[in-house]
Amino acid sequence: MSAYEQTESLVNTDLTKKWLFWGILWTLIFPLIGLMTSVKFNYPDWLGTESWLTWGRIRPAHVNGVIMGSFSTTFFGLCFYMIPKLTGIRMVAERWGYAALWLWNIGVVGGTIGILIGQNKGIEAGDYPLWADLFLFAAFFILTYMIIATIVQRKEKVLYISLYYAAGAMVWTAINFPLGNILLPFHQFGIYGVNSAALHGLYIHYIVGLWITPAGLALIYFFLPLAAKNPLYSHKLSLVGFWSLAFFYPFVGIHHYLYSPIPNWTQTIAIVTSMMLIVPVWTVTQNFFGTMVGNWRALQDSYVAKFCIMGAIYYFLGCFQGSTEALRGMQQLTHFTDFVISHSHLTIFGTFVIWTMAGLYYVWPRVTGHALWSRKLATWHFWLIAVSFSVMAGVLTLMGLMQGTMWADQVDFVDTVVAMKPYWFVRTLSGVGMDLGILFMLINFYMTAIEPSPLPEMDREKSLTPAAAD
């Protein structure tokens, strides 16, 4: 048996395909709901007056759907491929993965329906009703056990950095989930007023910084070295990034509540730690680009490398934007504006959803056993995302600075809304381009699955672990 066949035998391809199928489907559906939401900025009466199609309901359906459906479902699917490769054993209790898939999808679908019919808990990124959360809780704790147990029982002595991030993401989120979905929404626990706002800020930032960020970094640290056919630039540098994220991020949650009744010293700590996040951001960015040194030609041939590097660029820009907007002077200008929306899109979609796309281009042909059906469609997908999303992020950033300046000059609020309408229209058009690119990806992967075109030998990785140079 070849080394490739030995490592492939560790992966439950059927389970991986099922998770990735749903991840791909959610990656089309929930950004499409976001596009429908953006149209309402210019045409508020679009979709009529039915309560379940109002902006206040479809917007949280979009936000929670992208986090739990588009990103998280795809991440779990990629874990079922990545973690056996890095540990040298099959996933512990892998049959539980099928039950977790059903529970997770029931939670996502049920939570979306619950939001649309008005069962919203009113917690950002924790809007799903509790009955839907229970399905997500059950699935998440099953998956946490599977991932942690597999890492603990691994045969590979080296604990590669992706395993640090994957384990951290699971443990941190298992702790954070009850905060936003049980403790904060229900007043029986006695959390009110300023305390509720402060903890709400922590919860939403933990979803972004202690779930999506480490989960996304686990993916790129695995797939980028394989796509570049280079060892990771520095394992030591990757550990600096991991531990600095773990140390600084838990304190940043209040940086959206500056000038509030929350104690001033906690706001100052949030500002300082937000600026200190430059450390993990710059270290991981250096690691990514250092890994590409000597083989930048991979960007010509590898869609995995293309999406990894595009996401890394957005990651650097979005995180730098996030740190600077935590400064008091900057927040006076940007708070409540579309500048914040630009930041959230740069990080969630521009970085982490794009990194899941990179992983999909690597894993989907391997779990189906078929070569990618159309490089032309993949190229269209890449450029539609790159151009459309860059326009969206740039327009939202510009809008935010304009809005903040106009408000500071005491321009009538209605006049500021009118001034934004052309920019909102451009934002919607850019969303059309992004969703069209995702549709091309779905078509390409569907045809890849059904077309019997063998995977070329050259596309099969030769090593179990994308080892680090140091």
Protein backbone atom coordinates (compact mmCIF):
# COMPACT_ATOMS: atom_id res chain seq x y z
CA MET A 1 0.00 0.00 0.00
CA SER A 2 1.37 3.44 -0.94
CA ALA A 3 1.97 6.19 1.63
CA TYR A 4 -0.89 8.13 0.02
CA GLU A 5 -3.29 5.19 0.35
CA GLN A 6 -2.22 4.66 3.96
CA THR A 7 -2.97 8.25 4.95
CA GLU A 8 -6.18 8.36 2.89
CA SER A 9 -7.43 5.26 4.71
CA LEU A 10 -7.51 7.32 7.90
CA VAL A 11 -10.21 9.59 6.47
CA ASN A 12 -13.88 8.67 6.49
CA THR A 13 -14.59 10.12 3.04
CA ASP A 14 -18.34 9.50 3.23
CA LEU A 15 -18.70 11.45 6.48
CA THR A 16 -16.43 14.21 5.20
CA LYS A 17 -18.40 14.54 1.95
CA LYS A 18 -21.71 14.78 3.80
CA TRP A 19 -20.49 17.56 6.07
CA LEU A 20 -18.88 19.42 3.18
CA PHE A 21 -22.00 19.07 1.01
CA TRP A 22 -24.06 20.89 3.62
CA GLY A 23 -21.31 23.42 4.19
CA ILE A 24 -21.23 24.25 0.48
CA LEU A 25 -25.02 24.54 0.37
CA TRP A 26 -25.12 26.88 3.39
CA THR A 27 -22.28 28.92 1.87
CA LEU A 28 -24.61 29.65 -1.05
CA ILE A 29 -27.85 30.16 0.88
CA PHE A 30 -26.89 32.42 3.78
CA PRO A 31 -24.82 34.98 1.82
CA LEU A 32 -27.79 35.06 -0.59
CA ILE A 33 -30.01 36.04 2.34
CA GLY A 34 -27.45 38.77 3.06
CA LEU A 35 -27.85 40.01 -0.51
CA MET A 36 -31.63 40.14 -0.02
CA THR A 37 -31.02 42.13 3.17
CA SER A 38 -28.79 44.68 1.43
CA VAL A 39 -31.43 45.41 -1.23
CA LYS A 40 -33.69 46.75 1.52
CA PHE A 41 -31.34 49.67 2.16
CA ASN A 42 -32.34 51.13 -1.21
CA TYR A 43 -35.78 49.56 -1.53
CA PRO A 44 -37.27 49.17 1.98
CA ASP A 45 -40.58 47.79 0.67
CA TRP A 46 -38.88 45.04 -1.33
CA LEU A 47 -40.27 41.60 -0.31
CA GLY A 48 -43.46 43.29 0.90
CA THR A 49 -44.63 43.82 4.45
CA GLU A 50 -44.74 40.21 5.66
CA SER A 51 -43.15 40.24 9.11
CA TRP A 52 -40.88 37.26 8.43
CA LEU A 53 -39.35 39.05 5.42
CA THR A 54 -38.62 42.33 7.17
CA TRP A 55 -35.06 43.61 7.54
CA GLY A 56 -35.06 43.03 11.29
CA ARG A 57 -35.58 39.30 10.78
CA ILE A 58 -33.67 38.38 7.64
CA ARG A 59 -30.55 40.24 8.79
CA PRO A 60 -29.99 38.09 11.94
CA ALA A 61 -30.91 35.02 9.87
CA HIS A 62 -28.06 35.98 7.54
CA VAL A 63 -25.53 36.70 10.31
CA ASN A 64 -26.20 33.56 12.34
CA GLY A 65 -26.47 31.46 9.19
CA VAL A 66 -23.07 32.53 7.88
CA ILE A 67 -21.45 31.79 11.26
CA MET A 68 -23.17 28.52 12.10
CA GLY A 69 -24.07 27.30 8.62
CA SER A 70 -21.58 28.56 6.06
CA PHE A 71 -18.40 28.70 8.15
CA SER A 72 -18.88 26.23 10.99
CA THR A 73 -20.40 23.39 8.96
CA THR A 74 -17.61 23.58 6.40
CA PHE A 75 -14.97 23.80 9.14
CA PHE A 76 -16.22 20.60 10.76
CA GLY A 77 -16.23 18.83 7.41
CA LEU A 78 -12.64 19.89 6.76
CA CYS A 79 -11.69 18.74 10.28
CA PHE A 80 -12.81 15.22 9.43
CA TYR A 81 -10.12 15.27 6.73
CA MET A 82 -7.44 17.36 8.43
CA ILE A 83 -7.31 15.92 11.95
CA PRO A 84 -6.80 12.23 11.00
CA LYS A 85 -3.97 13.36 8.72
CA LEU A 86 -2.28 15.27 11.52
CA THR A 87 -2.81 12.70 14.27
CA GLY A 88 -2.15 9.51 12.31
CA ILE A 89 -5.39 7.84 13.51
CA ARG A 90 -9.00 7.79 12.42
CA MET A 91 -11.39 10.11 14.22
CA VAL A 92 -12.40 8.76 17.62
CA ALA A 93 -16.08 7.68 17.62
CA GLU A 94 -16.34 8.80 14.01
CA ARG A 95 -19.82 7.26 13.61
CA TRP A 96 -21.05 9.89 16.04
CA GLY A 97 -20.19 12.40 13.31
CA TYR A 98 -23.30 11.35 11.38
CA ALA A 99 -25.57 12.04 14.36
CA ALA A 100 -23.77 15.35 14.93
CA LEU A 101 -24.40 16.33 11.30
CA TRP A 102 -28.14 15.79 11.65
CA LEU A 103 -28.27 17.60 14.98
CA TRP A 104 -26.24 20.52 13.63
CA ASN A 105 -28.36 20.96 10.51
CA ILE A 106 -31.59 20.70 12.49
CA GLY A 107 -30.25 23.45 14.73
CA VAL A 108 -29.26 25.68 11.78
CA VAL A 109 -32.53 25.19 9.89
CA GLY A 110 -34.67 25.39 13.02
CA GLY A 111 -32.81 28.43 14.30
CA THR A 112 -33.24 30.24 10.98
CA ILE A 113 -36.97 29.48 10.91
CA GLY A 114 -37.24 30.55 14.54
CA ILE A 115 -35.67 33.94 13.78
CA LEU A 116 -37.91 34.48 10.75
CA ILE A 117 -41.08 33.79 12.76
CA GLY A 118 -39.99 36.14 15.53
CA GLN A 119 -38.38 33.82 18.11
CA ASN A 120 -35.23 35.92 18.45
CA LYS A 121 -33.33 36.01 21.76
CA GLY A 122 -31.89 39.44 20.88
CA ILE A 123 -28.25 38.43 21.35
CA GLU A 124 -25.95 39.19 18.41
CA ALA A 125 -24.73 35.88 16.94
CA GLY A 126 -26.87 34.15 19.55
CA ASP A 127 -30.27 34.96 18.05
CA TYR A 128 -31.46 31.38 17.52
CA PRO A 129 -34.27 30.33 19.92
CA LEU A 130 -33.17 28.09 22.78
CA TRP A 131 -34.95 25.00 21.41
CA ALA A 132 -32.81 25.24 18.26
CA ASP A 133 -29.67 25.93 20.31
CA LEU A 134 -30.14 22.63 22.12
CA PHE A 135 -29.52 20.75 18.86
CA LEU A 136 -26.42 22.85 18.21
CA PHE A 137 -25.19 22.29 21.79
CA ALA A 138 -25.56 18.53 21.46
CA ALA A 139 -23.77 18.44 18.10
CA PHE A 140 -21.01 20.75 19.28
CA PHE A 141 -20.21 18.77 22.41
CA ILE A 142 -20.12 15.53 20.38
CA LEU A 143 -17.71 17.14 17.93
CA THR A 144 -15.62 18.60 20.76
CA TYR A 145 -15.20 15.16 22.27
CA MET A 146 -14.33 13.61 18.91
CA ILE A 147 -11.69 16.22 18.08
CA ILE A 148 -10.07 16.44 21.52
CA ALA A 149 -10.06 12.65 22.02
CA THR A 150 -8.48 12.13 18.61
CA ILE A 151 -5.75 14.65 19.39
CA VAL A 152 -5.09 13.07 22.80
CA GLN A 153 -4.82 9.56 21.31
CA ARG A 154 -2.72 10.62 18.31
CA LYS A 155 0.18 8.52 17.00
CA GLU A 156 2.08 11.48 15.60
CA LYS A 157 4.41 12.87 18.27
CA VAL A 158 4.44 16.34 16.75
CA LEU A 159 1.49 18.49 17.80
CA TYR A 160 1.16 20.60 14.68
CA ILE A 161 -0.11 24.16 15.09
CA SER A 162 -3.45 23.42 13.40
CA LEU A 163 -4.25 21.06 16.27
CA TYR A 164 -3.55 23.81 18.80
CA TYR A 165 -6.02 26.10 17.07
CA ALA A 166 -8.67 23.42 16.47
CA ALA A 167 -8.57 22.25 20.09
CA GLY A 168 -8.58 25.83 21.38
CA ALA A 169 -11.55 26.77 19.22
CA MET A 170 -13.59 23.81 20.45
CA VAL A 171 -12.81 24.25 24.17
CA TRP A 172 -13.22 28.03 24.21
CA THR A 173 -16.54 27.88 22.37
CA ALA A 174 -17.90 25.07 24.55
CA ILE A 175 -17.42 27.51 27.44
CA ASN A 176 -18.73 30.56 25.53
CA PHE A 177 -21.91 29.02 24.06
CA PRO A 178 -23.83 28.95 27.34
CA LEU A 179 -22.91 32.58 28.06
CA GLY A 180 -24.65 34.02 25.01
CA ASN A 181 -27.43 31.49 24.64
CA ILE A 182 -28.48 30.79 28.23
CA LEU A 183 -27.04 33.22 30.79
CA LEU A 184 -27.56 36.51 28.92
CA PRO A 185 -31.02 36.10 27.30
CA PHE A 186 -32.81 34.83 30.40
CA HIS A 187 -33.16 37.31 33.25
CA GLN A 188 -33.57 34.53 35.80
CA PHE A 189 -29.77 34.52 35.97
CA GLY A 190 -29.77 38.13 37.18
CA ILE A 191 -27.64 39.74 34.46
CA TYR A 192 -29.10 43.17 33.64
CA GLY A 193 -28.23 46.58 32.25
CA VAL A 194 -24.57 47.53 31.97
CA ASN A 195 -23.41 44.07 33.05
CA SER A 196 -25.50 42.48 30.31
CA ALA A 197 -24.06 44.86 27.69
CA ALA A 198 -20.50 44.16 28.82
CA LEU A 199 -20.95 40.38 28.76
CA HIS A 200 -22.75 40.63 25.44
CA GLY A 201 -19.67 42.36 24.05
CA LEU A 202 -17.51 39.54 25.37
CA TYR A 203 -19.78 36.86 23.91
CA ILE A 204 -19.90 38.22 20.37
CA HIS A 205 -16.15 38.82 20.35
CA TYR A 206 -15.50 35.32 21.64
CA ILE A 207 -17.57 33.98 18.74
CA VAL A 208 -15.35 35.91 16.33
CA GLY A 209 -12.00 35.75 18.12
CA LEU A 210 -12.13 32.45 20.02
CA TRP A 211 -14.21 30.40 17.60
CA ILE A 212 -14.04 31.65 14.02
CA THR A 213 -10.47 32.99 14.22
CA PRO A 214 -8.72 29.91 15.69
CA ALA A 215 -10.86 27.57 13.58
CA GLY A 216 -9.96 29.49 10.43
CA LEU A 217 -6.28 29.64 11.34
CA ALA A 218 -6.29 25.86 11.90
CA LEU A 219 -7.38 25.49 8.28
CA ILE A 220 -4.89 27.81 6.61
CA TYR A 221 -1.98 26.45 8.65
CA PHE A 222 -2.86 23.01 7.28
CA PHE A 223 -3.72 23.79 3.67
CA LEU A 224 -1.29 26.59 2.76
CA PRO A 225 1.95 24.57 3.20
CA LEU A 226 0.41 21.73 1.19
CA ALA A 227 -0.67 24.10 -1.59
CA ALA A 228 2.71 25.87 -1.61
CA LYS A 229 4.57 22.52 -1.41
CA ASN A 230 6.78 24.18 1.21
CA PRO A 231 7.19 23.49 4.92
CA LEU A 232 5.62 25.99 7.29
CA TYR A 233 7.93 28.99 7.62
CA SER A 234 8.19 28.81 11.43
CA HIS A 235 6.50 26.59 13.99
CA LYS A 236 7.86 28.79 16.81
CA LEU A 237 6.31 31.88 15.23
CA SER A 238 3.00 30.05 14.93
CA LEU A 239 3.06 29.34 18.66
CA VAL A 240 3.67 33.03 19.38
CA GLY A 241 0.55 33.77 17.35
CA PHE A 242 -1.53 31.14 19.14
CA TRP A 243 -0.61 32.07 22.70
CA SER A 244 -0.81 35.81 22.09
CA LEU A 245 -4.32 35.33 20.66
CA ALA A 246 -5.25 33.23 23.70
CA PHE A 247 -3.88 35.84 26.10
CA PHE A 248 -5.05 39.11 24.53
CA TYR A 249 -8.38 38.32 22.86
CA PRO A 250 -10.41 37.49 25.99
CA PHE A 251 -10.12 41.16 27.07
CA VAL A 252 -11.16 43.00 23.88
CA GLY A 253 -14.93 42.54 24.04
CA ILE A 254 -15.76 45.93 25.55
CA HIS A 255 -14.00 47.98 22.86
CA HIS A 256 -17.35 48.59 21.15
CA TYR A 257 -18.71 50.16 24.34
CA LEU A 258 -16.36 53.10 24.75
CA TYR A 259 -17.87 56.22 26.33
CA SER A 260 -20.49 53.98 27.98
CA PRO A 261 -21.39 53.53 31.68
CA ILE A 262 -19.16 50.43 31.73
CA PRO A 263 -16.19 51.18 34.07
CA ASN A 264 -13.55 53.21 32.28
CA TRP A 265 -10.66 50.95 33.34
CA THR A 266 -12.25 47.98 31.59
CA GLN A 267 -12.60 50.08 28.42
CA THR A 268 -8.91 51.00 28.64
CA ILE A 269 -7.90 47.34 29.00
CA ALA A 270 -10.01 46.51 25.95
CA ILE A 271 -8.26 49.24 23.93
CA VAL A 272 -4.77 48.10 24.98
CA THR A 273 -5.43 44.42 24.27
CA SER A 274 -7.06 45.31 20.94
CA MET A 275 -3.85 47.04 19.91
CA MET A 276 -1.80 44.10 21.20
CA LEU A 277 -3.68 41.85 18.78
CA ILE A 278 -1.29 43.27 16.22
CA VAL A 279 1.17 40.67 17.61
CA PRO A 280 -0.77 37.52 16.58
CA VAL A 281 -1.95 39.14 13.36
CA TRP A 282 1.52 40.12 12.19
CA THR A 283 3.14 36.86 13.28
CA VAL A 284 0.66 34.65 11.45
CA THR A 285 0.74 36.90 8.37
CA GLN A 286 4.55 36.67 8.34
CA ASN A 287 4.24 32.90 8.63
CA PHE A 288 1.86 32.67 5.69
CA PHE A 289 3.93 34.80 3.34
CA GLY A 290 7.17 33.22 4.56
CA THR A 291 5.74 29.82 3.70
CA MET A 292 5.16 30.98 0.12
CA VAL A 293 8.75 32.20 -0.36
CA GLY A 294 10.43 30.26 -3.11
CA ASN A 295 7.21 28.97 -4.63
CA TRP A 296 5.01 31.95 -5.44
CA ARG A 297 4.30 30.19 -8.73
CA ALA A 298 1.84 28.07 -6.77
CA LEU A 299 -0.53 31.04 -7.08
CA GLN A 300 -0.68 30.41 -10.82
CA ASP A 301 -1.69 26.77 -10.54
CA SER A 302 -3.28 26.19 -7.13
CA TYR A 303 -6.72 27.52 -6.27
CA VAL A 304 -6.01 26.49 -2.69
CA ALA A 305 -3.04 28.86 -2.59
CA LYS A 306 -5.01 31.62 -4.35
CA PHE A 307 -7.81 31.58 -1.78
CA CYS A 308 -5.43 31.17 1.17
CA ILE A 309 -3.35 34.20 0.20
CA MET A 310 -6.38 36.30 -0.71
CA GLY A 311 -7.87 35.52 2.70
CA ALA A 312 -4.53 36.31 4.38
CA ILE A 313 -4.49 39.76 2.79
CA TYR A 314 -8.04 40.45 3.96
CA TYR A 315 -7.12 39.05 7.39
CA PHE A 316 -4.30 41.53 7.79
CA LEU A 317 -6.41 44.46 6.60
CA GLY A 318 -9.49 43.52 8.60
CA CYS A 319 -7.62 42.91 11.85
CA PHE A 320 -5.60 46.10 11.51
CA GLN A 321 -8.88 47.92 10.93
CA GLY A 322 -10.38 46.25 14.01
CA SER A 323 -7.48 47.24 16.25
CA THR A 324 -7.46 50.86 15.14
CA GLU A 325 -11.23 51.31 15.44
CA ALA A 326 -10.87 50.38 19.13
CA LEU A 327 -9.01 53.65 19.74
CA ARG A 328 -11.19 56.29 21.39
CA GLY A 329 -10.52 58.96 18.78
CA MET A 330 -11.15 56.56 15.90
CA GLN A 331 -14.31 55.21 17.49
CA GLN A 332 -15.75 58.72 17.79
CA LEU A 333 -15.62 58.81 14.00
CA THR A 334 -16.61 55.24 13.10
CA HIS A 335 -18.99 53.94 15.80
CA PHE A 336 -22.48 53.06 14.49
CA THR A 337 -21.27 53.53 10.89
CA ASP A 338 -20.72 51.14 7.99
CA PHE A 339 -17.01 51.18 8.85
CA VAL A 340 -17.80 48.55 11.51
CA ILE A 341 -19.75 46.53 8.93
CA SER A 342 -16.74 46.67 6.63
CA HIS A 343 -14.58 45.27 9.42
CA SER A 344 -16.96 42.41 10.17
CA HIS A 345 -17.20 41.46 6.49
CA LEU A 346 -13.42 41.65 6.01
CA THR A 347 -12.89 39.20 8.83
CA ILE A 348 -15.84 36.80 8.67
CA PHE A 349 -16.33 36.44 4.92
CA GLY A 350 -13.18 37.99 3.46
CA THR A 351 -10.90 35.90 5.65
CA PHE A 352 -12.47 32.86 7.21
CA VAL A 353 -15.19 31.87 4.75
CA ILE A 354 -12.63 32.32 1.97
CA TRP A 355 -10.21 30.03 3.85
CA THR A 356 -12.94 27.37 4.00
CA MET A 357 -13.20 27.74 0.22
CA ALA A 358 -9.46 27.11 -0.02
CA GLY A 359 -9.90 23.95 2.02
CA LEU A 360 -12.80 22.86 -0.17
CA TYR A 361 -10.70 23.13 -3.31
CA TYR A 362 -8.14 20.85 -1.68
CA VAL A 363 -10.38 18.29 0.01
CA TRP A 364 -13.40 17.93 -2.29
CA PRO A 365 -11.48 16.37 -5.22
CA ARG A 366 -9.71 14.02 -2.80
CA VAL A 367 -12.80 12.75 -0.98
CA THR A 368 -14.67 12.30 -4.28
CA GLY A 369 -11.62 10.79 -6.01
CA HIS A 370 -12.24 12.99 -9.05
CA ALA A 371 -10.24 15.81 -10.58
CA LEU A 372 -11.75 19.30 -10.39
CA TRP A 373 -14.32 19.49 -13.17
CA SER A 374 -13.60 22.97 -14.53
CA ARG A 375 -10.61 25.21 -13.90
CA LYS A 376 -12.41 27.92 -15.85
CA LEU A 377 -15.31 27.96 -13.37
CA ALA A 378 -12.81 27.97 -10.50
CA THR A 379 -11.05 30.97 -12.05
CA TRP A 380 -14.35 32.80 -12.45
CA HIS A 381 -15.16 31.96 -8.83
CA PHE A 382 -11.86 33.36 -7.61
CA TRP A 383 -11.98 36.61 -9.55
CA LEU A 384 -15.67 37.26 -8.85
CA ILE A 385 -14.96 36.92 -5.13
CA ALA A 386 -11.72 38.92 -5.27
CA VAL A 387 -13.11 41.85 -7.25
CA SER A 388 -16.63 41.94 -5.83
CA PHE A 389 -15.58 41.58 -2.23
CA SER A 390 -12.81 44.17 -2.56
CA VAL A 391 -15.39 46.62 -3.91
CA MET A 392 -17.78 45.81 -1.07
CA ALA A 393 -15.15 46.21 1.65
CA GLY A 394 -13.80 49.42 0.12
CA VAL A 395 -17.24 50.97 -0.32
CA LEU A 396 -18.32 50.10 3.23
CA THR A 397 -15.10 51.56 4.66
CA LEU A 398 -15.54 54.77 2.66
CA MET A 399 -19.20 55.00 3.66
CA GLY A 400 -18.33 54.65 7.33
CA LEU A 401 -15.80 57.46 7.21
CA MET A 402 -18.26 59.68 5.33
CA GLN A 403 -21.08 58.93 7.76
CA GLY A 404 -18.91 59.65 10.79
CA THR A 405 -17.66 62.92 9.30
CA MET A 406 -21.18 64.06 8.38
CA TRP A 407 -22.51 63.25 11.86
CA ALA A 408 -19.60 65.13 13.45
CA ASP A 409 -20.49 68.14 11.28
CA GLN A 410 -24.09 67.84 12.53
CA VAL A 411 -25.55 67.17 9.09
CA ASP A 412 -29.22 66.24 9.30
CA PHE A 413 -29.47 62.46 9.76
CA VAL A 414 -31.96 62.02 6.90
CA ASP A 415 -29.55 63.81 4.56
CA THR A 416 -26.77 61.41 5.56
CA VAL A 417 -29.02 58.45 4.73
CA VAL A 418 -29.84 59.91 1.31
CA ALA A 419 -26.13 60.48 0.64
CA MET A 420 -25.40 56.80 1.31
CA LYS A 421 -27.95 55.38 -1.15
CA PRO A 422 -25.61 55.21 -4.20
CA TYR A 423 -22.98 53.45 -2.11
CA TRP A 424 -25.51 50.96 -0.75
CA PHE A 425 -26.48 50.19 -4.34
CA VAL A 426 -22.85 49.47 -5.25
CA ARG A 427 -22.61 47.27 -2.18
CA THR A 428 -25.61 45.25 -3.39
CA LEU A 429 -24.11 44.87 -6.88
CA SER A 430 -20.87 43.60 -5.34
CA GLY A 431 -22.92 41.08 -3.36
CA VAL A 432 -24.43 39.82 -6.62
CA GLY A 433 -20.92 39.18 -7.93
CA MET A 434 -19.92 37.33 -4.76
CA ASP A 435 -23.00 35.11 -4.78
CA LEU A 436 -22.52 34.36 -8.47
CA GLY A 437 -18.96 33.24 -7.71
CA ILE A 438 -20.24 30.95 -4.93
CA LEU A 439 -22.82 29.50 -7.32
CA PHE A 440 -20.01 28.71 -9.79
CA MET A 441 -18.17 26.93 -6.97
CA LEU A 442 -21.23 24.83 -6.12
CA ILE A 443 -21.76 23.86 -9.78
CA ASN A 444 -18.07 22.99 -10.13
CA PHE A 445 -18.05 20.79 -7.04
CA TYR A 446 -21.30 19.07 -8.03
CA MET A 447 -19.91 18.21 -11.46
CA THR A 448 -16.64 17.13 -9.86
CA ALA A 449 -18.55 14.65 -7.71
CA ILE A 450 -20.52 13.09 -10.59
CA GLU A 451 -17.91 13.17 -13.38
CA PRO A 452 -15.61 10.09 -13.20
CA SER A 453 -12.30 11.88 -13.85
CA PRO A 454 -9.49 10.29 -11.75
CA LEU A 455 -7.49 12.52 -9.44
CA PRO A 456 -3.98 12.97 -10.91
CA GLU A 457 -1.14 11.42 -8.92
CA MET A 458 0.63 14.78 -8.75
CA ASP A 459 -2.27 16.23 -6.75
CA ARG A 460 -1.83 13.74 -3.91
CA GLU A 461 0.11 14.98 -0.94
CA LYS A 462 3.09 12.83 -0.04
CA SER A 463 3.45 13.64 3.64
CA LEU A 464 1.18 13.24 6.61
CA THR A 465 1.99 16.59 8.21
CA PRO A 466 2.88 19.97 6.63
CA ALA A 467 5.99 20.11 8.83
CA ALA A 468 7.59 23.37 9.90
CA ALA A 469 11.02 24.48 8.74
CA ASP A 470 12.24 25.00 12.31
